[in-house]
Amino acid sequence: MPDVPPGAMLYTLSRSFVFEAAHTLQRPLHGDSSQRIHGHTYRASVHLQGQLAPDSNMLLDLAVLDRHMQNVRQQLDHRFLDEVAGLGPATLENLCTYIWQQLQINLPALVKVSVERGMTGDACSLTCSNTPNQTTVTATINP
């Protein structure tokens, strides 16, 4: 291991959950098929970044992360996403934003949320980098 000053190392911890959900989507292209109720299998990934806690030698206990992620999963799994309060149209971008908003309160080390539909290869990532006096949010869509 390289000789690194204490406190200089950042760790990234990620965990995923899967949810099944249905929705409609009002859009001009492929409108007919999108407007009908249809469903997807989604995989959401949550990424935390920071330094290890001195008492546990962990960024965050995975059991704590799982508890918070399970709360969000329950809000989305086997739901009609059009009826989930605060989500808006069930786009990948809105799903990333919704999951972020649900988790950021309890997970201050949150830096990235990704949602993908594996069968189609569609994916979106929402990344937030907090530096002094600056917050950067980017969304990346993979076709």
C-alpha atoms as a PDB file:
ATOM      1  CA  MET A   1       0.000   0.000   0.000  1.00  0.00           C
ATOM      2  CA  PRO A   2       1.381   3.442  -0.869  1.00  0.00           C
ATOM      3  CA  ASP A   3       2.543   5.725   1.915  1.00  0.00           C
ATOM      4  CA  VAL A   4      -0.443   8.076   2.128  1.00  0.00           C
ATOM      5  CA  PRO A   5      -0.965  10.674   4.844  1.00  0.00           C
ATOM      6  CA  PRO A   6      -3.807   9.848   7.275  1.00  0.00           C
ATOM      7  CA  GLY A   7      -7.113  11.280   6.117  1.00  0.00           C
ATOM      8  CA  ALA A   8      -5.990  11.592   2.492  1.00  0.00           C
ATOM      9  CA  MET A   9      -7.646   8.408   1.282  1.00  0.00           C
ATOM     10  CA  LEU A  10     -11.213   8.496  -0.035  1.00  0.00           C
ATOM     11  CA  TYR A  11     -13.244   5.330  -0.299  1.00  0.00           C
ATOM     12  CA  THR A  12     -16.227   4.748  -2.574  1.00  0.00           C
ATOM     13  CA  LEU A  13     -18.824   2.283  -1.376  1.00  0.00           C
ATOM     14  CA  SER A  14     -21.636   1.146  -3.657  1.00  0.00           C
ATOM     15  CA  ARG A  15     -24.670  -1.049  -3.258  1.00  0.00           C
ATOM     16  CA  SER A  16     -27.540  -1.909  -5.613  1.00  0.00           C
ATOM     17  CA  PHE A  17     -31.163  -2.938  -5.383  1.00  0.00           C
ATOM     18  CA  VAL A  18     -33.617  -4.190  -7.988  1.00  0.00           C
ATOM     19  CA  PHE A  19     -37.240  -3.188  -8.342  1.00  0.00           C
ATOM     20  CA  GLU A  20     -40.060  -4.060 -10.722  1.00  0.00           C
ATOM     21  CA  ALA A  21     -42.504  -1.315 -11.636  1.00  0.00           C
ATOM     22  CA  ALA A  22     -45.040  -0.223 -14.237  1.00  0.00           C
ATOM     23  CA  HIS A  23     -45.716   3.214 -15.669  1.00  0.00           C
ATOM     24  CA  THR A  24     -46.945   5.197 -18.626  1.00  0.00           C
ATOM     25  CA  LEU A  25     -45.065   7.976 -20.339  1.00  0.00           C
ATOM     26  CA  GLN A  26     -46.570  10.798 -22.372  1.00  0.00           C
ATOM     27  CA  ARG A  27     -44.118  11.593 -25.152  1.00  0.00           C
ATOM     28  CA  PRO A  28     -44.357  12.375 -28.858  1.00  0.00           C
ATOM     29  CA  LEU A  29     -41.948   9.692 -30.137  1.00  0.00           C
ATOM     30  CA  HIS A  30     -43.135   6.110 -29.739  1.00  0.00           C
ATOM     31  CA  GLY A  31     -46.136   7.683 -28.042  1.00  0.00           C
ATOM     32  CA  ASP A  32     -48.580   4.838 -28.508  1.00  0.00           C
ATOM     33  CA  SER A  33     -46.442   2.179 -26.836  1.00  0.00           C
ATOM     34  CA  SER A  34     -45.203   4.553 -24.122  1.00  0.00           C
ATOM     35  CA  GLN A  35     -48.701   5.760 -23.261  1.00  0.00           C
ATOM     36  CA  ARG A  36     -49.919   2.232 -22.540  1.00  0.00           C
ATOM     37  CA  ILE A  37     -49.157   0.782 -19.130  1.00  0.00           C
ATOM     38  CA  HIS A  38     -45.938  -1.175 -19.347  1.00  0.00           C
ATOM     39  CA  GLY A  39     -43.280  -2.323 -16.925  1.00  0.00           C
ATOM     40  CA  HIS A  40     -39.550  -2.693 -16.475  1.00  0.00           C
ATOM     41  CA  THR A  41     -37.012  -4.316 -14.219  1.00  0.00           C
ATOM     42  CA  TYR A  42     -34.784  -1.577 -12.812  1.00  0.00           C
ATOM     43  CA  ARG A  43     -31.458  -1.746 -11.002  1.00  0.00           C
ATOM     44  CA  ALA A  44     -30.600   1.243  -8.838  1.00  0.00           C
ATOM     45  CA  SER A  45     -27.049   1.728  -7.589  1.00  0.00           C
ATOM     46  CA  VAL A  46     -26.098   4.050  -4.764  1.00  0.00           C
ATOM     47  CA  HIS A  47     -22.534   5.302  -4.300  1.00  0.00           C
ATOM     48  CA  LEU A  48     -21.091   6.876  -1.161  1.00  0.00           C
ATOM     49  CA  GLN A  49     -17.682   8.494  -0.844  1.00  0.00           C
ATOM     50  CA  GLY A  50     -15.632   9.549   2.132  1.00  0.00           C
ATOM     51  CA  GLN A  51     -13.096   8.581   4.719  1.00  0.00           C
ATOM     52  CA  LEU A  52     -13.255   5.650   7.087  1.00  0.00           C
ATOM     53  CA  ALA A  53     -14.800   6.187  10.497  1.00  0.00           C
ATOM     54  CA  PRO A  54     -12.044   5.650  13.073  1.00  0.00           C
ATOM     55  CA  ASP A  55     -14.250   3.596  15.408  1.00  0.00           C
ATOM     56  CA  SER A  56     -15.439   1.092  12.763  1.00  0.00           C
ATOM     57  CA  ASN A  57     -12.815   1.342  10.028  1.00  0.00           C
ATOM     58  CA  MET A  58     -15.748   1.520   7.559  1.00  0.00           C
ATOM     59  CA  LEU A  59     -17.175   4.288   5.432  1.00  0.00           C
ATOM     60  CA  LEU A  60     -20.636   3.102   6.492  1.00  0.00           C
ATOM     61  CA  ASP A  61     -21.922  -0.167   7.867  1.00  0.00           C
ATOM     62  CA  LEU A  62     -23.649  -1.964   4.963  1.00  0.00           C
ATOM     63  CA  ALA A  63     -26.544  -2.866   7.260  1.00  0.00           C
ATOM     64  CA  VAL A  64     -27.252   0.853   7.730  1.00  0.00           C
ATOM     65  CA  LEU A  65     -27.062   1.456   3.980  1.00  0.00           C
ATOM     66  CA  ASP A  66     -29.330  -1.535   3.322  1.00  0.00           C
ATOM     67  CA  ARG A  67     -31.949  -0.211   5.747  1.00  0.00           C
ATOM     68  CA  HIS A  68     -32.166   3.143   3.959  1.00  0.00           C
ATOM     69  CA  MET A  69     -32.144   1.555   0.514  1.00  0.00           C
ATOM     70  CA  GLN A  70     -34.882  -0.885   1.517  1.00  0.00           C
ATOM     71  CA  ASN A  71     -37.112   2.035   2.511  1.00  0.00           C
ATOM     72  CA  VAL A  72     -36.737   3.522  -0.979  1.00  0.00           C
ATOM     73  CA  ARG A  73     -37.157   0.144  -2.663  1.00  0.00           C
ATOM     74  CA  GLN A  74     -40.468  -0.351  -0.867  1.00  0.00           C
ATOM     75  CA  GLN A  75     -41.701   2.959  -2.299  1.00  0.00           C
ATOM     76  CA  LEU A  76     -40.945   1.802  -5.872  1.00  0.00           C
ATOM     77  CA  ASP A  77     -41.105  -1.997  -6.074  1.00  0.00           C
ATOM     78  CA  HIS A  78     -44.261  -3.434  -7.659  1.00  0.00           C
ATOM     79  CA  ARG A  79     -45.773   0.043  -7.861  1.00  0.00           C
ATOM     80  CA  PHE A  80     -47.452   2.004 -10.605  1.00  0.00           C
ATOM     81  CA  LEU A  81     -44.837   4.760 -10.811  1.00  0.00           C
ATOM     82  CA  ASP A  82     -47.340   7.308 -12.154  1.00  0.00           C
ATOM     83  CA  GLU A  83     -48.865   7.263  -8.647  1.00  0.00           C
ATOM     84  CA  VAL A  84     -45.644   7.683  -6.609  1.00  0.00           C
ATOM     85  CA  ALA A  85     -45.869  11.108  -4.966  1.00  0.00           C
ATOM     86  CA  GLY A  86     -42.963  13.370  -5.821  1.00  0.00           C
ATOM     87  CA  LEU A  87     -41.619  11.278  -8.701  1.00  0.00           C
ATOM     88  CA  GLY A  88     -43.172  13.021 -11.692  1.00  0.00           C
ATOM     89  CA  PRO A  89     -43.046  11.299 -15.087  1.00  0.00           C
ATOM     90  CA  ALA A  90     -41.245   7.955 -14.626  1.00  0.00           C
ATOM     91  CA  THR A  91     -38.125   8.763 -16.630  1.00  0.00           C
ATOM     92  CA  LEU A  92     -34.716   7.415 -15.697  1.00  0.00           C
ATOM     93  CA  GLU A  93     -33.682  10.956 -14.802  1.00  0.00           C
ATOM     94  CA  ASN A  94     -36.626  11.411 -12.445  1.00  0.00           C
ATOM     95  CA  LEU A  95     -35.999   8.018 -10.847  1.00  0.00           C
ATOM     96  CA  CYS A  96     -32.380   9.018 -10.135  1.00  0.00           C
ATOM     97  CA  THR A  97     -33.527  12.330  -8.662  1.00  0.00           C
ATOM     98  CA  TYR A  98     -36.257  10.698  -6.564  1.00  0.00           C
ATOM     99  CA  ILE A  99     -33.893   8.083  -5.101  1.00  0.00           C
ATOM    100  CA  TRP A 100     -31.304  10.817  -4.417  1.00  0.00           C
ATOM    101  CA  GLN A 101     -33.844  12.962  -2.597  1.00  0.00           C
ATOM    102  CA  GLN A 102     -35.037  10.040  -0.474  1.00  0.00           C
ATOM    103  CA  LEU A 103     -31.496   9.020   0.554  1.00  0.00           C
ATOM    104  CA  GLN A 104     -29.516  12.240   0.887  1.00  0.00           C
ATOM    105  CA  ILE A 105     -31.109  13.173   4.212  1.00  0.00           C
ATOM    106  CA  ASN A 106     -29.698  10.097   5.956  1.00  0.00           C
ATOM    107  CA  LEU A 107     -26.631   9.498   3.790  1.00  0.00           C
ATOM    108  CA  PRO A 108     -24.526  12.679   3.632  1.00  0.00           C
ATOM    109  CA  ALA A 109     -21.698  10.795   1.871  1.00  0.00           C
ATOM    110  CA  LEU A 110     -23.986  10.119  -1.136  1.00  0.00           C
ATOM    111  CA  VAL A 111     -22.241  11.125  -4.380  1.00  0.00           C
ATOM    112  CA  LYS A 112     -23.981   9.148  -7.131  1.00  0.00           C
ATOM    113  CA  VAL A 113     -27.240   7.367  -7.953  1.00  0.00           C
ATOM    114  CA  SER A 114     -27.621   5.277 -11.113  1.00  0.00           C
ATOM    115  CA  VAL A 115     -30.721   3.614 -12.504  1.00  0.00           C
ATOM    116  CA  GLU A 116     -30.617   1.149 -15.364  1.00  0.00           C
ATOM    117  CA  ARG A 117     -32.936  -1.100 -17.294  1.00  0.00           C
ATOM    118  CA  GLY A 118     -30.647  -4.015 -18.017  1.00  0.00           C
ATOM    119  CA  MET A 119     -32.735  -5.661 -20.717  1.00  0.00           C
ATOM    120  CA  THR A 120     -32.535  -2.556 -22.934  1.00  0.00           C
ATOM    121  CA  GLY A 121     -29.188  -1.153 -21.796  1.00  0.00           C
ATOM    122  CA  ASP A 122     -30.793   2.180 -20.870  1.00  0.00           C
ATOM    123  CA  ALA A 123     -29.165   3.909 -17.909  1.00  0.00           C
ATOM    124  CA  CYS A 124     -28.889   7.260 -16.184  1.00  0.00           C
ATOM    125  CA  SER A 125     -26.527   8.473 -13.460  1.00  0.00           C
ATOM    126  CA  LEU A 126     -26.903  11.475 -11.201  1.00  0.00           C
ATOM    127  CA  THR A 127     -23.649  12.648  -9.655  1.00  0.00           C
ATOM    128  CA  CYS A 128     -23.223  15.377  -7.084  1.00  0.00           C
ATOM    129  CA  SER A 129     -19.799  16.619  -6.102  1.00  0.00           C
ATOM    130  CA  ASN A 130     -19.783  18.837  -3.022  1.00  0.00           C
ATOM    131  CA  THR A 131     -16.790  21.090  -2.751  1.00  0.00           C
ATOM    132  CA  PRO A 132     -16.597  24.304  -0.721  1.00  0.00           C
ATOM    133  CA  ASN A 133     -18.868  26.963  -2.257  1.00  0.00           C
ATOM    134  CA  GLN A 134     -19.767  24.707  -5.198  1.00  0.00           C
ATOM    135  CA  THR A 135     -22.187  21.876  -5.860  1.00  0.00           C
ATOM    136  CA  THR A 136     -22.070  20.161  -9.243  1.00  0.00           C
ATOM    137  CA  VAL A 137     -24.867  17.923 -10.435  1.00  0.00           C
ATOM    138  CA  THR A 138     -24.530  15.997 -13.687  1.00  0.00           C
ATOM    139  CA  ALA A 139     -26.797  13.497 -15.359  1.00  0.00           C
ATOM    140  CA  THR A 140     -25.473  10.960 -17.867  1.00  0.00           C
ATOM    141  CA  ILE A 141     -27.729   8.969 -20.171  1.00  0.00           C
ATOM    142  CA  ASN A 142     -26.508   5.808 -21.848  1.00  0.00           C
ATOM    143  CA  PRO A 143     -28.544   4.841 -24.911  1.00  0.00           C
END
